[in-house]
PDB file of all heavy atoms in Angstrom:
ATOM      1  N   GLY A   1      82.729  69.532 122.924  1.00  0.00           N
ATOM      2  CA  GLY A   1      84.073  69.520 122.300  1.00  0.00           C
ATOM      3  C   GLY A   1      83.977  68.671 121.019  1.00  0.00           C
ATOM      4  O   GLY A   1      83.299  67.662 120.988  1.00  0.00           O
ATOM      5  N   VAL A   2      84.744  69.077 120.040  1.00  0.00           N
ATOM      6  CA  VAL A   2      84.717  68.403 118.683  1.00  0.00           C
ATOM      7  C   VAL A   2      85.033  66.909 118.869  1.00  0.00           C
ATOM      8  O   VAL A   2      84.463  66.084 118.120  1.00  0.00           O
ATOM      9  CB  VAL A   2      85.612  69.096 117.680  1.00  0.00           C
ATOM     10  CG1 VAL A   2      87.080  68.951 118.039  1.00  0.00           C
ATOM     11  CG2 VAL A   2      85.300  68.716 116.252  1.00  0.00           C
ATOM     12  N   PHE A   3      85.909  66.546 119.779  1.00  0.00           N
ATOM     13  CA  PHE A   3      86.307  65.176 119.976  1.00  0.00           C
ATOM     14  C   PHE A   3      85.210  64.236 120.394  1.00  0.00           C
ATOM     15  O   PHE A   3      85.302  63.033 120.211  1.00  0.00           O
ATOM     16  CB  PHE A   3      87.566  65.053 120.908  1.00  0.00           C
ATOM     17  CG  PHE A   3      87.205  65.462 122.291  1.00  0.00           C
ATOM     18  CD1 PHE A   3      86.768  64.525 123.213  1.00  0.00           C
ATOM     19  CD2 PHE A   3      87.280  66.802 122.656  1.00  0.00           C
ATOM     20  CE1 PHE A   3      86.416  64.903 124.513  1.00  0.00           C
ATOM     21  CE2 PHE A   3      86.966  67.185 123.971  1.00  0.00           C
ATOM     22  CZ  PHE A   3      86.552  66.278 124.869  1.00  0.00           C
ATOM     23  N   THR A   4      84.188  64.798 121.006  1.00  0.00           N
ATOM     24  CA  THR A   4      83.089  63.978 121.511  1.00  0.00           C
ATOM     25  C   THR A   4      82.364  63.267 120.384  1.00  0.00           C
ATOM     26  O   THR A   4      81.708  62.258 120.689  1.00  0.00           O
ATOM     27  CB  THR A   4      82.073  64.829 122.335  1.00  0.00           C
ATOM     28  OG1 THR A   4      81.473  65.832 121.475  1.00  0.00           O
ATOM     29  CG2 THR A   4      82.788  65.480 123.518  1.00  0.00           C
ATOM     30  N   ALA A   5      82.467  63.809 119.174  1.00  0.00           N
ATOM     31  CA  ALA A   5      81.862  63.091 118.001  1.00  0.00           C
ATOM     32  C   ALA A   5      82.508  61.735 117.792  1.00  0.00           C
ATOM     33  O   ALA A   5      81.831  60.747 117.521  1.00  0.00           O
ATOM     34  CB  ALA A   5      81.989  63.901 116.749  1.00  0.00           C
ATOM     35  N   ALA A   6      83.812  61.620 117.982  1.00  0.00           N
ATOM     36  CA  ALA A   6      84.492  60.337 117.875  1.00  0.00           C
ATOM     37  C   ALA A   6      84.022  59.441 118.954  1.00  0.00           C
ATOM     38  O   ALA A   6      83.842  58.205 118.775  1.00  0.00           O
ATOM     39  CB  ALA A   6      85.987  60.521 117.846  1.00  0.00           C
ATOM     40  N   GLU A   7      83.906  59.856 120.176  1.00  0.00           N
ATOM     41  CA  GLU A   7      83.435  59.075 121.277  1.00  0.00           C
ATOM     42  C   GLU A   7      82.009  58.554 121.033  1.00  0.00           C
ATOM     43  O   GLU A   7      81.763  57.430 121.209  1.00  0.00           O
ATOM     44  CB  GLU A   7      83.516  59.916 122.595  1.00  0.00           C
ATOM     45  CG  GLU A   7      84.902  60.221 123.071  1.00  0.00           C
ATOM     46  CD  GLU A   7      84.961  61.150 124.260  1.00  0.00           C
ATOM     47  OE1 GLU A   7      83.969  61.832 124.513  1.00  0.00           O
ATOM     48  OE2 GLU A   7      86.002  61.191 124.902  1.00  0.00           O
ATOM     49  N   ARG A   8      81.139  59.479 120.561  1.00  0.00           N
ATOM     50  CA  ARG A   8      79.761  59.074 120.292  1.00  0.00           C
ATOM     51  C   ARG A   8      79.702  58.052 119.172  1.00  0.00           C
ATOM     52  O   ARG A   8      78.933  57.083 119.236  1.00  0.00           O
ATOM     53  CB  ARG A   8      78.981  60.318 119.870  1.00  0.00           C
ATOM     54  CG  ARG A   8      78.739  61.240 121.056  1.00  0.00           C
ATOM     55  CD  ARG A   8      77.862  62.509 120.689  1.00  0.00           C
ATOM     56  NE  ARG A   8      77.691  63.304 121.808  1.00  0.00           N
ATOM     57  CZ  ARG A   8      78.255  64.481 122.025  1.00  0.00           C
ATOM     58  NH1 ARG A   8      79.047  64.979 121.095  1.00  0.00           N
ATOM     59  NH2 ARG A   8      77.990  65.176 123.064  1.00  0.00           N
ATOM     60  N   ALA A   9      80.475  58.266 118.115  1.00  0.00           N
ATOM     61  CA  ALA A   9      80.494  57.340 117.020  1.00  0.00           C
ATOM     62  C   ALA A   9      80.911  55.902 117.529  1.00  0.00           C
ATOM     63  O   ALA A   9      80.311  54.882 117.176  1.00  0.00           O
ATOM     64  CB  ALA A   9      81.468  57.729 115.911  1.00  0.00           C
ATOM     65  N   HIS A  10      81.977  55.885 118.340  1.00  0.00           N
ATOM     66  CA  HIS A  10      82.434  54.572 118.871  1.00  0.00           C
ATOM     67  C   HIS A  10      81.381  53.958 119.709  1.00  0.00           C
ATOM     68  O   HIS A  10      81.112  52.703 119.611  1.00  0.00           O
ATOM     69  CB  HIS A  10      83.724  54.807 119.672  1.00  0.00           C
ATOM     70  CG  HIS A  10      84.253  53.593 120.306  1.00  0.00           C
ATOM     71  ND1 HIS A  10      84.771  52.546 119.575  1.00  0.00           N
ATOM     72  CD2 HIS A  10      84.296  53.212 121.620  1.00  0.00           C
ATOM     73  CE1 HIS A  10      85.176  51.583 120.404  1.00  0.00           C
ATOM     74  NE2 HIS A  10      84.870  51.973 121.626  1.00  0.00           N
ATOM     75  N   GLU A  11      80.745  54.727 120.545  1.00  0.00           N
ATOM     76  CA  GLU A  11      79.657  54.196 121.483  1.00  0.00           C
ATOM     77  C   GLU A  11      78.516  53.605 120.626  1.00  0.00           C
ATOM     78  O   GLU A  11      77.847  52.636 121.062  1.00  0.00           O
ATOM     79  CB  GLU A  11      79.178  55.307 122.395  1.00  0.00           C
ATOM     80  CG  GLU A  11      80.164  55.633 123.470  1.00  0.00           C
ATOM     81  CD  GLU A  11      79.825  56.855 124.270  1.00  0.00           C
ATOM     82  OE1 GLU A  11      78.726  57.433 124.009  1.00  0.00           O
ATOM     83  OE2 GLU A  11      80.640  57.317 125.071  1.00  0.00           O
ATOM     84  N   LEU A  12      78.264  54.212 119.502  1.00  0.00           N
ATOM     85  CA  LEU A  12      77.119  53.779 118.633  1.00  0.00           C
ATOM     86  C   LEU A  12      77.521  52.647 117.647  1.00  0.00           C
ATOM     87  O   LEU A  12      76.696  52.096 116.937  1.00  0.00           O
ATOM     88  CB  LEU A  12      76.624  54.919 117.844  1.00  0.00           C
ATOM     89  CG  LEU A  12      75.914  56.050 118.694  1.00  0.00           C
ATOM     90  CD1 LEU A  12      75.642  57.292 117.807  1.00  0.00           C
ATOM     91  CD2 LEU A  12      74.601  55.503 119.266  1.00  0.00           C
ATOM     92  N   GLY A  13      78.801  52.276 117.627  1.00  0.00           N
ATOM     93  CA  GLY A  13      79.294  51.267 116.716  1.00  0.00           C
ATOM     94  C   GLY A  13      79.570  51.739 115.359  1.00  0.00           C
ATOM     95  O   GLY A  13      79.671  50.902 114.372  1.00  0.00           O
ATOM     96  N   ALA A  14      79.674  53.046 115.142  1.00  0.00           N
ATOM     97  CA  ALA A  14      79.960  53.652 113.803  1.00  0.00           C
ATOM     98  C   ALA A  14      81.474  53.587 113.578  1.00  0.00           C
ATOM     99  O   ALA A  14      82.226  53.719 114.538  1.00  0.00           O
ATOM    100  CB  ALA A  14      79.380  54.995 113.719  1.00  0.00           C
ATOM    101  N   ASN A  15      81.886  53.504 112.311  1.00  0.00           N
ATOM    102  CA  ASN A  15      83.288  53.559 112.020  1.00  0.00           C
ATOM    103  C   ASN A  15      83.573  54.730 111.062  1.00  0.00           C
ATOM    104  O   ASN A  15      84.667  54.811 110.526  1.00  0.00           O
ATOM    105  CB  ASN A  15      83.774  52.268 111.392  1.00  0.00           C
ATOM    106  CG  ASN A  15      82.998  51.780 110.178  1.00  0.00           C
ATOM    107  OD1 ASN A  15      82.224  52.552 109.597  1.00  0.00           O
ATOM    108  ND2 ASN A  15      83.234  50.596 109.786  1.00  0.00           N
ATOM    109  N   THR A  16      82.616  55.618 110.921  1.00  0.00           N
ATOM    110  CA  THR A  16      82.725  56.844 110.198  1.00  0.00           C
ATOM    111  C   THR A  16      81.707  57.826 110.676  1.00  0.00           C
ATOM    112  O   THR A  16      80.667  57.379 111.332  1.00  0.00           O
ATOM    113  CB  THR A  16      82.671  56.713 108.654  1.00  0.00           C
ATOM    114  OG1 THR A  16      82.923  57.950 107.988  1.00  0.00           O
ATOM    115  CG2 THR A  16      81.292  56.181 108.226  1.00  0.00           C
ATOM    116  N   PHE A  17      81.873  59.115 110.515  1.00  0.00           N
ATOM    117  CA  PHE A  17      80.820  60.045 110.903  1.00  0.00           C
ATOM    118  C   PHE A  17      81.032  61.435 110.183  1.00  0.00           C
ATOM    119  O   PHE A  17      82.032  61.637 109.608  1.00  0.00           O
ATOM    120  CB  PHE A  17      80.810  60.323 112.463  1.00  0.00           C
ATOM    121  CG  PHE A  17      82.149  60.910 112.963  1.00  0.00           C
ATOM    122  CD1 PHE A  17      82.314  62.241 112.935  1.00  0.00           C
ATOM    123  CD2 PHE A  17      83.060  60.097 113.465  1.00  0.00           C
ATOM    124  CE1 PHE A  17      83.464  62.855 113.455  1.00  0.00           C
ATOM    125  CE2 PHE A  17      84.259  60.584 113.960  1.00  0.00           C
ATOM    126  CZ  PHE A  17      84.435  61.989 113.974  1.00  0.00           C
ATOM    127  N   GLN A  18      80.008  62.226 110.326  1.00  0.00           N
ATOM    128  CA  GLN A  18      80.043  63.575 109.746  1.00  0.00           C
ATOM    129  C   GLN A  18      79.650  64.526 110.824  1.00  0.00           C
ATOM    130  O   GLN A  18      78.783  64.254 111.646  1.00  0.00           O
ATOM    131  CB  GLN A  18      79.083  63.669 108.575  1.00  0.00           C
ATOM    132  CG  GLN A  18      79.030  65.110 107.934  1.00  0.00           C
ATOM    133  CD  GLN A  18      78.217  65.101 106.691  1.00  0.00           C
ATOM    134  OE1 GLN A  18      78.720  64.763 105.631  1.00  0.00           O
ATOM    135  NE2 GLN A  18      76.972  65.522 106.713  1.00  0.00           N
ATOM    136  N   ILE A  19      80.297  65.727 110.832  1.00  0.00           N
ATOM    137  CA  ILE A  19      79.973  66.777 111.791  1.00  0.00           C
ATOM    138  C   ILE A  19      80.006  68.133 111.104  1.00  0.00           C
ATOM    139  O   ILE A  19      80.456  68.309 109.985  1.00  0.00           O
ATOM    140  CB  ILE A  19      81.063  66.818 112.912  1.00  0.00           C
ATOM    141  CG1 ILE A  19      82.443  67.175 112.327  1.00  0.00           C
ATOM    142  CG2 ILE A  19      81.044  65.565 113.835  1.00  0.00           C
ATOM    143  CD1 ILE A  19      83.412  67.518 113.422  1.00  0.00           C
ATOM    144  N   PHE A  20      79.433  69.110 111.789  1.00  0.00           N
ATOM    145  CA  PHE A  20      79.644  70.527 111.476  1.00  0.00           C
ATOM    146  C   PHE A  20      80.792  70.980 112.389  1.00  0.00           C
ATOM    147  O   PHE A  20      80.700  70.697 113.612  1.00  0.00           O
ATOM    148  CB  PHE A  20      78.461  71.400 111.696  1.00  0.00           C
ATOM    149  CG  PHE A  20      77.330  71.149 110.717  1.00  0.00           C
ATOM    150  CD1 PHE A  20      76.186  70.500 111.138  1.00  0.00           C
ATOM    151  CD2 PHE A  20      77.403  71.512 109.354  1.00  0.00           C
ATOM    152  CE1 PHE A  20      75.168  70.239 110.242  1.00  0.00           C
ATOM    153  CE2 PHE A  20      76.434  71.267 108.464  1.00  0.00           C
ATOM    154  CZ  PHE A  20      75.233  70.589 108.881  1.00  0.00           C
ATOM    155  N   SER A  21      81.807  71.663 111.878  1.00  0.00           N
ATOM    156  CA  SER A  21      82.882  72.117 112.734  1.00  0.00           C
ATOM    157  C   SER A  21      82.545  73.429 113.347  1.00  0.00           C
ATOM    158  O   SER A  21      83.225  73.884 114.243  1.00  0.00           O
ATOM    159  CB  SER A  21      84.207  72.207 111.915  1.00  0.00           C
ATOM    160  OG  SER A  21      84.104  73.275 110.992  1.00  0.00           O
ATOM    161  N   SER A  22      81.473  73.956 112.921  1.00  0.00           N
ATOM    162  CA  SER A  22      80.961  75.288 113.401  1.00  0.00           C
ATOM    163  C   SER A  22      79.479  75.303 113.075  1.00  0.00           C
ATOM    164  O   SER A  22      78.959  74.451 112.350  1.00  0.00           O
ATOM    165  CB  SER A  22      81.727  76.408 112.696  1.00  0.00           C
ATOM    166  OG  SER A  22      81.548  77.615 113.366  1.00  0.00           O
ATOM    167  N   SER A  23      78.795  76.309 113.515  1.00  0.00           N
ATOM    168  CA  SER A  23      77.358  76.440 113.212  1.00  0.00           C
ATOM    169  C   SER A  23      77.190  76.550 111.760  1.00  0.00           C
ATOM    170  O   SER A  23      77.809  77.380 111.051  1.00  0.00           O
ATOM    171  CB  SER A  23      76.744  77.686 113.895  1.00  0.00           C
ATOM    172  OG  SER A  23      75.453  77.829 113.411  1.00  0.00           O
ATOM    173  N   PRO A  24      76.313  75.708 111.120  1.00  0.00           N
ATOM    174  CA  PRO A  24      76.123  75.782 109.716  1.00  0.00           C
ATOM    175  C   PRO A  24      75.214  76.981 109.263  1.00  0.00           C
ATOM    176  O   PRO A  24      75.084  77.198 108.077  1.00  0.00           O
ATOM    177  CB  PRO A  24      75.344  74.504 109.438  1.00  0.00           C
ATOM    178  CG  PRO A  24      74.639  74.148 110.734  1.00  0.00           C
ATOM    179  CD  PRO A  24      75.533  74.684 111.802  1.00  0.00           C
ATOM    180  N   ARG A  25      74.741  77.729 110.184  1.00  0.00           N
ATOM    181  CA  ARG A  25      73.886  78.828 109.826  1.00  0.00           C
ATOM    182  C   ARG A  25      74.338  80.224 110.403  1.00  0.00           C
ATOM    183  O   ARG A  25      73.545  81.136 110.499  1.00  0.00           O
ATOM    184  CB  ARG A  25      72.451  78.607 110.341  1.00  0.00           C
ATOM    185  CG  ARG A  25      71.868  77.297 109.805  1.00  0.00           C
ATOM    186  CD  ARG A  25      70.457  77.078 110.112  1.00  0.00           C
ATOM    187  NE  ARG A  25      69.977  75.758 109.718  1.00  0.00           N
ATOM    188  CZ  ARG A  25      69.712  75.390 108.462  1.00  0.00           C
ATOM    189  NH1 ARG A  25      69.867  76.155 107.480  1.00  0.00           N
ATOM    190  NH2 ARG A  25      69.213  74.160 108.251  1.00  0.00           N
ATOM    191  N   MET A  26      75.634  80.259 110.700  1.00  0.00           N
ATOM    192  CA  MET A  26      76.246  81.509 111.186  1.00  0.00           C
ATOM    193  C   MET A  26      77.556  81.808 110.514  1.00  0.00           C
ATOM    194  O   MET A  26      78.325  80.833 110.240  1.00  0.00           O
ATOM    195  CB  MET A  26      76.455  81.484 112.686  1.00  0.00           C
ATOM    196  CG  MET A  26      75.147  81.473 113.514  1.00  0.00           C
ATOM    197  SD  MET A  26      75.439  81.239 115.293  1.00  0.00           S
ATOM    198  CE  MET A  26      76.655  82.466 115.702  1.00  0.00           C
TER     199      MET A  26
END
């Protein structure tokens, strides 16, 4: 789920992040 990126960022101590919202090659 897209929201898991925020959870992962928090767990890693990050205060910003970048994601692909969809496959970057499709």
